[in-house]
Amino acid sequence: MTTASTVFVVDDDQAMRTSLQWLIESTGMKVLTFESADAFLAGYYPGRAGCLLVDVRMPGMSGLELQAYLTREGYRLPVIIITGHGDVAMAVKAMKAGAMDFIEKPFHDEDLLRSIRRALEYDQRQRVGQAAREDLQARLADLTPREHEVMGMVTDGKSNREIAAALGVTPKTVEAHRARVMEKMRAESLAELVRMALIAGREEGA
């Protein structure tokens, strides 16, 4: 994880918030606490790195409702549900809706910290992957329509001569287009260019 990651704790019980803050900060992690879902939403901006530790039962918006809202709005923040003995069925529902974990009260400190670390590591992996996808899209956007055509044919395994015949140009012109594609995509080899094309194709089909 990076120092930019924050553990966001949402719980209406002040004693629980204080206890969780002390525990998590004792490991060197940054913590912000909120007494309600509304307070959290007022203080959080989309894209901020970290994870959310939220109680199921709270006045106003519940933990499950907050999770559903974040999912609906496209927030990628990993969610850990804190649940009482009577809330296990709801916690299972939260897991099915995408929560990373649920922790039953009373919980062991190490179990909670292990879950938090796993959520923060997952968040960082997601962010690295997203940055790589955005970089790939920026490279693709820099290609001309003809370079896109050439890249598609090259990564389909067609030779320069076959591409030239399909486009009605000379093989030397194809070589020039191909060189520009490799340069703009910053591909060191044909295999790397094929990998990029496969990733881009998966993104378009997602």
Protein backbone atom coordinates (compact mmCIF):
# COMPACT_ATOMS: atom_id res chain seq x y z
CA MET A 1 0.00 0.00 0.00
CA THR A 2 1.05 3.61 -0.32
CA THR A 3 1.08 6.41 2.25
CA ALA A 4 -1.82 8.00 0.33
CA SER A 5 -4.16 5.17 1.37
CA THR A 6 -6.70 5.95 4.09
CA VAL A 7 -8.94 3.68 6.15
CA PHE A 8 -12.37 5.34 6.34
CA VAL A 9 -14.28 4.22 9.42
CA VAL A 10 -18.04 4.84 9.50
CA ASP A 11 -19.80 3.92 12.77
CA ASP A 12 -22.37 5.77 14.86
CA ASP A 13 -20.81 4.47 18.11
CA GLN A 14 -18.22 7.02 19.22
CA ALA A 15 -16.43 4.56 21.52
CA MET A 16 -16.12 2.08 18.63
CA ARG A 17 -14.81 4.79 16.29
CA THR A 18 -12.19 5.84 18.84
CA SER A 19 -11.15 2.24 19.49
CA LEU A 20 -10.86 1.44 15.79
CA GLN A 21 -8.90 4.62 15.10
CA TRP A 22 -6.43 3.85 17.87
CA LEU A 23 -5.99 0.24 16.69
CA ILE A 24 -5.51 1.06 13.02
CA GLU A 25 -3.25 4.08 13.62
CA SER A 26 -1.07 1.95 15.92
CA THR A 27 0.06 0.06 12.79
CA GLY A 28 0.99 3.25 10.94
CA MET A 29 -2.08 3.40 8.72
CA LYS A 30 -3.97 6.66 8.20
CA VAL A 31 -7.54 6.75 9.53
CA LEU A 32 -10.51 9.09 9.14
CA THR A 33 -13.66 8.45 11.17
CA PHE A 34 -17.27 9.46 10.50
CA GLU A 35 -20.39 9.14 12.64
CA SER A 36 -22.73 8.49 9.71
CA ALA A 37 -22.87 7.57 6.05
CA ASP A 38 -23.93 11.11 5.19
CA ALA A 39 -20.90 12.53 7.02
CA PHE A 40 -18.63 10.17 5.11
CA LEU A 41 -20.12 11.09 1.74
CA ALA A 42 -19.71 14.78 2.57
CA GLY A 43 -16.02 14.28 3.32
CA TYR A 44 -15.03 11.76 0.65
CA TYR A 45 -14.24 12.54 -2.96
CA PRO A 46 -14.34 9.86 -5.68
CA GLY A 47 -11.03 8.26 -6.49
CA ARG A 48 -9.44 8.74 -3.08
CA ALA A 49 -7.28 5.73 -2.24
CA GLY A 50 -8.09 3.49 0.70
CA CYS A 51 -10.85 1.25 2.00
CA LEU A 52 -14.12 1.66 3.87
CA LEU A 53 -14.83 0.02 7.23
CA VAL A 54 -18.55 0.44 7.92
CA ASP A 55 -21.06 -0.80 10.49
CA VAL A 56 -24.21 -2.48 9.21
CA ARG A 57 -26.72 -0.84 11.53
CA MET A 58 -26.64 2.95 11.80
CA PRO A 59 -29.27 5.68 12.05
CA GLY A 60 -30.11 7.10 8.64
CA MET A 61 -28.33 5.36 5.77
CA SER A 62 -27.21 1.88 6.81
CA GLY A 63 -23.88 0.30 5.95
CA LEU A 64 -25.52 -1.80 3.24
CA GLU A 65 -27.25 1.24 1.77
CA LEU A 66 -23.95 3.11 1.73
CA GLN A 67 -22.28 0.20 -0.04
CA ALA A 68 -25.10 0.09 -2.60
CA TYR A 69 -24.80 3.83 -3.17
CA LEU A 70 -21.03 3.62 -3.77
CA THR A 71 -21.52 0.76 -6.21
CA ARG A 72 -24.28 2.60 -8.04
CA GLU A 73 -22.16 5.73 -8.36
CA GLY A 74 -19.18 3.75 -9.68
CA TYR A 75 -16.89 4.24 -6.66
CA ARG A 76 -14.25 1.51 -6.51
CA LEU A 77 -13.50 1.83 -2.80
CA PRO A 78 -13.19 -1.65 -1.20
CA VAL A 79 -15.76 -2.16 1.58
CA ILE A 80 -15.41 -4.14 4.81
CA ILE A 81 -18.63 -4.65 6.76
CA ILE A 82 -18.66 -4.72 10.57
CA THR A 83 -21.56 -6.78 11.84
CA GLY A 84 -23.20 -7.86 15.09
CA HIS A 85 -24.27 -11.42 15.78
CA GLY A 86 -27.77 -10.76 14.44
CA ASP A 87 -26.55 -9.24 11.19
CA VAL A 88 -24.70 -12.16 9.62
CA ALA A 89 -27.36 -12.72 6.94
CA MET A 90 -27.10 -9.06 5.96
CA ALA A 91 -23.31 -9.29 5.92
CA VAL A 92 -23.50 -12.26 3.56
CA LYS A 93 -25.78 -10.17 1.35
CA ALA A 94 -23.14 -7.43 1.41
CA MET A 95 -20.45 -9.90 0.34
CA LYS A 96 -22.60 -10.99 -2.59
CA ALA A 97 -22.97 -7.32 -3.50
CA GLY A 98 -19.18 -6.92 -3.65
CA ALA A 99 -17.94 -6.28 -0.10
CA MET A 100 -14.36 -7.46 0.47
CA ASP A 101 -15.09 -8.99 3.88
CA PHE A 102 -17.33 -8.89 6.91
CA ILE A 103 -16.05 -8.85 10.48
CA GLU A 104 -18.25 -10.07 13.32
CA LYS A 105 -18.32 -8.31 16.68
CA PRO A 106 -16.53 -8.91 18.96
CA PHE A 107 -13.57 -9.34 16.64
CA HIS A 108 -9.90 -10.13 17.08
CA ASP A 109 -7.68 -7.15 16.32
CA GLU A 110 -5.40 -9.13 14.02
CA ASP A 111 -8.34 -10.48 12.00
CA LEU A 112 -9.55 -6.94 11.40
CA LEU A 113 -6.10 -5.58 10.56
CA ARG A 114 -5.46 -8.47 8.18
CA SER A 115 -8.71 -7.73 6.37
CA ILE A 116 -7.87 -4.02 6.15
CA ARG A 117 -4.40 -4.69 4.74
CA ARG A 118 -5.88 -7.04 2.15
CA ALA A 119 -8.45 -4.40 1.13
CA LEU A 120 -5.80 -1.67 0.81
CA GLU A 121 -3.54 -3.92 -1.24
CA TYR A 122 -6.48 -4.77 -3.51
CA ASP A 123 -7.26 -1.07 -3.90
CA GLN A 124 -3.68 -0.33 -4.93
CA ARG A 125 -3.66 -3.16 -7.48
CA GLN A 126 -6.88 -1.81 -8.93
CA ARG A 127 -5.40 1.68 -9.20
CA VAL A 128 -2.24 0.44 -10.90
CA GLY A 129 -4.35 -1.51 -13.38
CA GLN A 130 -6.61 1.47 -14.04
CA ALA A 131 -3.61 3.74 -14.64
CA ALA A 132 -2.19 1.21 -17.11
CA ARG A 133 -5.52 1.00 -18.96
CA GLU A 134 -5.77 4.77 -19.19
CA ASP A 135 -2.20 4.97 -20.50
CA LEU A 136 -2.97 2.35 -23.15
CA GLN A 137 -6.11 4.23 -24.23
CA ALA A 138 -4.08 7.44 -24.53
CA ARG A 139 -1.56 5.70 -26.79
CA LEU A 140 -4.34 4.27 -28.97
CA ALA A 141 -5.97 7.69 -29.24
CA ASP A 142 -2.72 9.06 -30.69
CA LEU A 143 -2.91 6.71 -33.69
CA THR A 144 -4.37 7.91 -36.98
CA PRO A 145 -7.28 5.94 -38.52
CA ARG A 146 -4.87 4.32 -41.01
CA GLU A 147 -2.44 3.42 -38.21
CA HIS A 148 -5.34 1.76 -36.37
CA GLU A 149 -6.05 -0.27 -39.49
CA VAL A 150 -2.42 -1.31 -39.83
CA MET A 151 -2.16 -2.19 -36.13
CA GLY A 152 -5.27 -4.36 -36.38
CA MET A 153 -3.91 -6.27 -39.38
CA VAL A 154 -0.43 -6.62 -37.93
CA THR A 155 -1.76 -8.03 -34.66
CA ASP A 156 -4.01 -10.38 -36.64
CA GLY A 157 -0.84 -11.90 -38.09
CA LYS A 158 -0.97 -10.47 -41.60
CA SER A 159 2.29 -9.78 -43.44
CA ASN A 160 3.28 -6.37 -44.80
CA ARG A 161 2.56 -7.62 -48.32
CA GLU A 162 -0.94 -8.81 -47.32
CA ILE A 163 -1.67 -5.52 -45.58
CA ALA A 164 -0.42 -3.56 -48.58
CA ALA A 165 -2.73 -5.50 -50.91
CA ALA A 166 -5.72 -4.99 -48.58
CA LEU A 167 -5.11 -1.25 -48.27
CA GLY A 168 -4.01 -0.61 -51.85
CA VAL A 169 -0.60 0.78 -50.87
CA THR A 170 2.98 -0.39 -51.24
CA PRO A 171 4.70 -2.68 -48.71
CA LYS A 172 7.15 0.17 -48.04
CA THR A 173 4.24 2.41 -47.00
CA VAL A 174 2.98 -0.33 -44.68
CA GLU A 175 6.45 -0.57 -43.14
CA ALA A 176 6.37 3.17 -42.43
CA HIS A 177 2.91 2.94 -40.84
CA ARG A 178 3.99 -0.08 -38.83
CA ALA A 179 7.08 1.72 -37.53
CA ARG A 180 4.95 4.68 -36.41
CA VAL A 181 2.49 2.34 -34.68
CA MET A 182 5.33 0.67 -32.77
CA GLU A 183 6.73 4.06 -31.82
CA LYS A 184 3.44 5.61 -30.70
CA MET A 185 2.39 2.50 -28.77
CA ARG A 186 5.89 2.27 -27.25
CA ALA A 187 5.95 -1.43 -28.08
CA GLU A 188 9.36 -3.10 -27.98
CA SER A 189 8.24 -6.13 -29.99
CA LEU A 190 5.37 -7.53 -32.03
CA ALA A 191 4.44 -9.75 -29.08
CA GLU A 192 4.05 -6.68 -26.87
CA LEU A 193 1.90 -4.96 -29.51
CA VAL A 194 -0.31 -8.05 -29.72
CA ARG A 195 -0.68 -8.03 -25.93
CA MET A 196 -1.75 -4.38 -26.03
CA ALA A 197 -4.30 -5.13 -28.75
CA LEU A 198 -5.73 -7.99 -26.70
CA ILE A 199 -6.06 -5.77 -23.61
CA ALA A 200 -7.71 -3.02 -25.65
CA GLY A 201 -10.11 -5.55 -27.14
CA ARG A 202 -11.11 -6.81 -23.69
CA GLU A 203 -11.70 -3.24 -22.54
CA GLU A 204 -13.97 -2.53 -25.51
CA GLY A 205 -15.92 -5.71 -24.87
CA ALA A 206 -16.28 -5.08 -21.14
